[in-house]
Each structure stands twice: as structure tokens, then as C-alpha cells.
Amino acid sequence: MCAILDANTFNKFRDPADEDMEPVWNWLENKSGKLVYANTPKFEEEWERGGMTHIRD
């Protein structure tokens, strides 16, 4: 299974309390899900600005 995180939903995703993203967070936290992304400077900037520092490899 995979999930695509659209730029329009990144704001919702970075809030672990958002109930729409609860299934995604459960999937990730249960170790059955993985995030795949392009390691570009723009993505890194967005990731860090979004408070996503609690997710690491």
C-alpha cells in the first residue's frame, strides 16, 4: 500500500491531531507505512517549517 501526500494536504498531514489524517498516522506509526519523497531543498524547507521533525528514518 502507498499513500500520496499532495501539496494541498501537507498542512493537514503535519498536524498529528487532524482527524482526517488519523488513518495515515496510524499506518505510519504501526511501522506498516513508509514515506517516500524527493530529497530536494524545497521539500526539506517545507518539511522543517512544517514541524515534522518528530519523523526521522
PDB file of N, CA and C in Angstrom:
ATOM      1  N   MET A   1       0.840  -1.172   0.000  1.00  0.00           N
ATOM      2  CA  MET A   1       0.000   0.000   0.000  1.00  0.00           C
ATOM      3  C   MET A   1       0.885   1.235   0.000  1.00  0.00           C
ATOM      4  N   CYS A   2       0.413   2.265  -0.635  1.00  0.00           N
ATOM      5  CA  CYS A   2       1.135   3.527  -0.614  1.00  0.00           C
ATOM      6  C   CYS A   2       0.139   4.665  -0.480  1.00  0.00           C
ATOM      7  N   ALA A   3       0.648   5.796  -0.062  1.00  0.00           N
ATOM      8  CA  ALA A   3      -0.181   6.995   0.051  1.00  0.00           C
ATOM      9  C   ALA A   3       0.573   8.132  -0.615  1.00  0.00           C
ATOM     10  N   ILE A   4      -0.145   8.964  -1.299  1.00  0.00           N
ATOM     11  CA  ILE A   4       0.458  10.128  -1.938  1.00  0.00           C
ATOM     12  C   ILE A   4       0.034  11.350  -1.149  1.00  0.00           C
ATOM     13  N   LEU A   5       1.015  12.071  -0.672  1.00  0.00           N
ATOM     14  CA  LEU A   5       0.761  13.289   0.092  1.00  0.00           C
ATOM     15  C   LEU A   5       0.831  14.464  -0.861  1.00  0.00           C
ATOM     16  N   ASP A   6      -0.314  14.958  -1.213  1.00  0.00           N
ATOM     17  CA  ASP A   6      -0.410  16.091  -2.120  1.00  0.00           C
ATOM     18  C   ASP A   6      -0.019  17.372  -1.382  1.00  0.00           C
ATOM     19  N   ALA A   7       0.557  18.308  -2.104  1.00  0.00           N
ATOM     20  CA  ALA A   7       0.953  19.575  -1.502  1.00  0.00           C
ATOM     21  C   ALA A   7      -0.224  20.291  -0.846  1.00  0.00           C
ATOM     22  N   ASN A   8      -1.416  20.078  -1.364  1.00  0.00           N
ATOM     23  CA  ASN A   8      -2.600  20.719  -0.789  1.00  0.00           C
ATOM     24  C   ASN A   8      -3.009  20.130   0.554  1.00  0.00           C
ATOM     25  N   THR A   9      -2.514  18.945   0.889  1.00  0.00           N
ATOM     26  CA  THR A   9      -2.863  18.324   2.166  1.00  0.00           C
ATOM     27  C   THR A   9      -1.700  18.292   3.145  1.00  0.00           C
ATOM     28  N   PHE A  10      -0.560  18.819   2.759  1.00  0.00           N
ATOM     29  CA  PHE A  10       0.613  18.789   3.639  1.00  0.00           C
ATOM     30  C   PHE A  10       0.325  19.471   4.966  1.00  0.00           C
ATOM     31  N   ASN A  11      -0.397  20.575   4.938  1.00  0.00           N
ATOM     32  CA  ASN A  11      -0.716  21.297   6.158  1.00  0.00           C
ATOM     33  C   ASN A  11      -1.532  20.421   7.109  1.00  0.00           C
ATOM     34  N   LYS A  12      -2.476  19.656   6.580  1.00  0.00           N
ATOM     35  CA  LYS A  12      -3.266  18.752   7.413  1.00  0.00           C
ATOM     36  C   LYS A  12      -2.406  17.599   7.920  1.00  0.00           C
ATOM     37  N   PHE A  13      -1.533  17.093   7.075  1.00  0.00           N
ATOM     38  CA  PHE A  13      -0.684  15.966   7.455  1.00  0.00           C
ATOM     39  C   PHE A  13       0.259  16.317   8.592  1.00  0.00           C
ATOM     40  N   ARG A  14       0.799  17.510   8.569  1.00  0.00           N
ATOM     41  CA  ARG A  14       1.790  17.863   9.588  1.00  0.00           C
ATOM     42  C   ARG A  14       1.176  18.111  10.964  1.00  0.00           C
ATOM     43  N   ASP A  15      -0.143  18.080  11.051  1.00  0.00           N
ATOM     44  CA  ASP A  15      -0.833  18.198  12.326  1.00  0.00           C
ATOM     45  C   ASP A  15      -1.315  16.815  12.752  1.00  0.00           C
ATOM     46  N   PRO A  16      -0.593  16.125  13.643  1.00  0.00           N
ATOM     47  CA  PRO A  16      -0.988  14.771  14.036  1.00  0.00           C
ATOM     48  C   PRO A  16      -2.370  14.700  14.693  1.00  0.00           C
ATOM     49  N   ALA A  17      -2.901  15.816  15.142  1.00  0.00           N
ATOM     50  CA  ALA A  17      -4.219  15.828  15.765  1.00  0.00           C
ATOM     51  C   ALA A  17      -5.356  15.938  14.737  1.00  0.00           C
ATOM     52  N   ASP A  18      -5.041  16.161  13.474  1.00  0.00           N
ATOM     53  CA  ASP A  18      -6.072  16.297  12.448  1.00  0.00           C
ATOM     54  C   ASP A  18      -6.734  14.941  12.226  1.00  0.00           C
ATOM     55  N   GLU A  19      -8.041  14.870  12.472  1.00  0.00           N
ATOM     56  CA  GLU A  19      -8.727  13.580  12.398  1.00  0.00           C
ATOM     57  C   GLU A  19      -8.778  13.000  10.988  1.00  0.00           C
ATOM     58  N   ASP A  20      -8.713  13.841   9.959  1.00  0.00           N
ATOM     59  CA  ASP A  20      -8.685  13.322   8.592  1.00  0.00           C
ATOM     60  C   ASP A  20      -7.401  12.545   8.313  1.00  0.00           C
ATOM     61  N   MET A  21      -6.333  12.906   9.010  1.00  0.00           N
ATOM     62  CA  MET A  21      -5.044  12.255   8.793  1.00  0.00           C
ATOM     63  C   MET A  21      -4.780  11.128   9.791  1.00  0.00           C
ATOM     64  N   GLU A  22      -5.717  10.889  10.701  1.00  0.00           N
ATOM     65  CA  GLU A  22      -5.529   9.844  11.706  1.00  0.00           C
ATOM     66  C   GLU A  22      -5.215   8.476  11.097  1.00  0.00           C
ATOM     67  N   PRO A  23      -5.935   8.037  10.054  1.00  0.00           N
ATOM     68  CA  PRO A  23      -5.587   6.739   9.460  1.00  0.00           C
ATOM     69  C   PRO A  23      -4.165   6.707   8.883  1.00  0.00           C
ATOM     70  N   VAL A  24      -3.725   7.814   8.336  1.00  0.00           N
ATOM     71  CA  VAL A  24      -2.369   7.879   7.783  1.00  0.00           C
ATOM     72  C   VAL A  24      -1.347   7.775   8.904  1.00  0.00           C
ATOM     73  N   TRP A  25      -1.552   8.551   9.970  1.00  0.00           N
ATOM     74  CA  TRP A  25      -0.621   8.490  11.108  1.00  0.00           C
ATOM     75  C   TRP A  25      -0.601   7.102  11.731  1.00  0.00           C
ATOM     76  N   ASN A  26      -1.773   6.466  11.872  1.00  0.00           N
ATOM     77  CA  ASN A  26      -1.810   5.105  12.416  1.00  0.00           C
ATOM     78  C   ASN A  26      -1.017   4.150  11.539  1.00  0.00           C
ATOM     79  N   TRP A  27      -1.173   4.294  10.245  1.00  0.00           N
ATOM     80  CA  TRP A  27      -0.454   3.456   9.290  1.00  0.00           C
ATOM     81  C   TRP A  27       1.055   3.645   9.441  1.00  0.00           C
ATOM     82  N   LEU A  28       1.503   4.886   9.562  1.00  0.00           N
ATOM     83  CA  LEU A  28       2.927   5.161   9.710  1.00  0.00           C
ATOM     84  C   LEU A  28       3.464   4.683  11.048  1.00  0.00           C
ATOM     85  N   GLU A  29       2.728   4.952  12.121  1.00  0.00           N
ATOM     86  CA  GLU A  29       3.205   4.617  13.459  1.00  0.00           C
ATOM     87  C   GLU A  29       3.231   3.122  13.725  1.00  0.00           C
ATOM     88  N   ASN A  30       2.410   2.357  13.021  1.00  0.00           N
ATOM     89  CA  ASN A  30       2.404   0.909  13.196  1.00  0.00           C
ATOM     90  C   ASN A  30       3.494   0.226  12.381  1.00  0.00           C
ATOM     91  N   LYS A  31       4.374   1.003  11.801  1.00  0.00           N
ATOM     92  CA  LYS A  31       5.514   0.520  11.015  1.00  0.00           C
ATOM     93  C   LYS A  31       5.116  -0.201   9.735  1.00  0.00           C
ATOM     94  N   SER A  32       3.861  -0.122   9.363  1.00  0.00           N
ATOM     95  CA  SER A  32       3.475  -0.762   8.117  1.00  0.00           C
ATOM     96  C   SER A  32       3.498   0.231   6.954  1.00  0.00           C
ATOM     97  N   GLY A  33       3.676   1.507   7.272  1.00  0.00           N
ATOM     98  CA  GLY A  33       3.711   2.528   6.239  1.00  0.00           C
ATOM     99  C   GLY A  33       5.074   3.188   6.161  1.00  0.00           C
ATOM    100  N   LYS A  34       5.391   3.688   5.024  1.00  0.00           N
ATOM    101  CA  LYS A  34       6.661   4.385   4.812  1.00  0.00           C
ATOM    102  C   LYS A  34       6.390   5.643   4.006  1.00  0.00           C
ATOM    103  N   LEU A  35       7.194   6.651   4.262  1.00  0.00           N
ATOM    104  CA  LEU A  35       7.141   7.872   3.469  1.00  0.00           C
ATOM    105  C   LEU A  35       8.257   7.829   2.441  1.00  0.00           C
ATOM    106  N   VAL A  36       7.928   8.152   1.230  1.00  0.00           N
ATOM    107  CA  VAL A  36       8.917   8.252   0.161  1.00  0.00           C
ATOM    108  C   VAL A  36       8.781   9.645  -0.422  1.00  0.00           C
ATOM    109  N   TYR A  37       9.910  10.314  -0.561  1.00  0.00           N
ATOM    110  CA  TYR A  37       9.856  11.686  -1.065  1.00  0.00           C
ATOM    111  C   TYR A  37      11.140  12.014  -1.807  1.00  0.00           C
ATOM    112  N   ALA A  38      11.065  13.041  -2.614  1.00  0.00           N
ATOM    113  CA  ALA A  38      12.240  13.524  -3.330  1.00  0.00           C
ATOM    114  C   ALA A  38      12.997  14.468  -2.399  1.00  0.00           C
ATOM    115  N   ASN A  39      14.233  14.181  -2.176  1.00  0.00           N
ATOM    116  CA  ASN A  39      15.053  14.972  -1.261  1.00  0.00           C
ATOM    117  C   ASN A  39      15.560  16.224  -1.977  1.00  0.00           C
ATOM    118  N   THR A  40      14.669  17.181  -2.112  1.00  0.00           N
ATOM    119  CA  THR A  40      15.022  18.436  -2.758  1.00  0.00           C
ATOM    120  C   THR A  40      15.089  19.537  -1.700  1.00  0.00           C
ATOM    121  N   PRO A  41      15.842  20.596  -1.951  1.00  0.00           N
ATOM    122  CA  PRO A  41      15.914  21.690  -0.974  1.00  0.00           C
ATOM    123  C   PRO A  41      14.535  22.263  -0.642  1.00  0.00           C
ATOM    124  N   LYS A  42      13.657  22.388  -1.626  1.00  0.00           N
ATOM    125  CA  LYS A  42      12.331  22.935  -1.365  1.00  0.00           C
ATOM    126  C   LYS A  42      11.525  22.019  -0.441  1.00  0.00           C
ATOM    127  N   PHE A  43      11.591  20.720  -0.668  1.00  0.00           N
ATOM    128  CA  PHE A  43      10.870  19.793   0.193  1.00  0.00           C
ATOM    129  C   PHE A  43      11.429  19.837   1.610  1.00  0.00           C
ATOM    130  N   GLU A  44      12.740  19.816   1.747  1.00  0.00           N
ATOM    131  CA  GLU A  44      13.366  19.868   3.071  1.00  0.00           C
ATOM    132  C   GLU A  44      12.937  21.130   3.817  1.00  0.00           C
ATOM    133  N   GLU A  45      12.913  22.242   3.128  1.00  0.00           N
ATOM    134  CA  GLU A  45      12.499  23.508   3.742  1.00  0.00           C
ATOM    135  C   GLU A  45      11.054  23.423   4.218  1.00  0.00           C
ATOM    136  N   GLU A  46      10.184  22.897   3.377  1.00  0.00           N
ATOM    137  CA  GLU A  46       8.772  22.753   3.736  1.00  0.00           C
ATOM    138  C   GLU A  46       8.603  21.794   4.911  1.00  0.00           C
ATOM    139  N   TRP A  47       9.338  20.693   4.875  1.00  0.00           N
ATOM    140  CA  TRP A  47       9.271  19.682   5.936  1.00  0.00           C
ATOM    141  C   TRP A  47       9.672  20.298   7.278  1.00  0.00           C
ATOM    142  N   GLU A  48      10.814  20.969   7.316  1.00  0.00           N
ATOM    143  CA  GLU A  48      11.294  21.571   8.564  1.00  0.00           C
ATOM    144  C   GLU A  48      10.375  22.690   9.033  1.00  0.00           C
ATOM    145  N   ARG A  49       9.887  23.495   8.147  1.00  0.00           N
ATOM    146  CA  ARG A  49       8.979  24.582   8.504  1.00  0.00           C
ATOM    147  C   ARG A  49       7.671  24.019   9.039  1.00  0.00           C
ATOM    148  N   GLY A  50       7.304  22.846   8.568  1.00  0.00           N
ATOM    149  CA  GLY A  50       6.037  22.253   8.971  1.00  0.00           C
ATOM    150  C   GLY A  50       6.055  21.548  10.303  1.00  0.00           C
ATOM    151  N   GLY A  51       7.181  21.547  11.003  1.00  0.00           N
ATOM    152  CA  GLY A  51       7.224  20.910  12.305  1.00  0.00           C
ATOM    153  C   GLY A  51       7.264  19.387  12.250  1.00  0.00           C
ATOM    154  N   MET A  52       7.734  18.825  11.164  1.00  0.00           N
ATOM    155  CA  MET A  52       7.741  17.381  11.001  1.00  0.00           C
ATOM    156  C   MET A  52       9.011  16.748  11.553  1.00  0.00           C
ATOM    157  N   THR A  53       9.678  17.390  12.460  1.00  0.00           N
ATOM    158  CA  THR A  53      10.961  16.886  12.959  1.00  0.00           C
ATOM    159  C   THR A  53      10.817  15.625  13.792  1.00  0.00           C
ATOM    160  N   HIS A  54       9.612  15.236  14.209  1.00  0.00           N
ATOM    161  CA  HIS A  54       9.436  14.023  15.007  1.00  0.00           C
ATOM    162  C   HIS A  54       9.448  12.749  14.152  1.00  0.00           C
ATOM    163  N   ILE A  55       9.454  12.906  12.841  1.00  0.00           N
ATOM    164  CA  ILE A  55       9.554  11.745  11.953  1.00  0.00           C
ATOM    165  C   ILE A  55      10.947  11.742  11.346  1.00  0.00           C
ATOM    166  N   ARG A  56      11.655  10.708  11.593  1.00  0.00           N
ATOM    167  CA  ARG A  56      13.004  10.516  11.016  1.00  0.00           C
ATOM    168  C   ARG A  56      13.149   9.068  10.578  1.00  0.00           C
ATOM    169  N   ASP A  57      14.188   8.776   9.773  1.00  0.00           N
ATOM    170  CA  ASP A  57      14.356   7.395   9.336  1.00  0.00           C
ATOM    171  C   ASP A  57      14.920   6.523  10.404  1.00  0.00           C
TER     172      ASP A  57
END
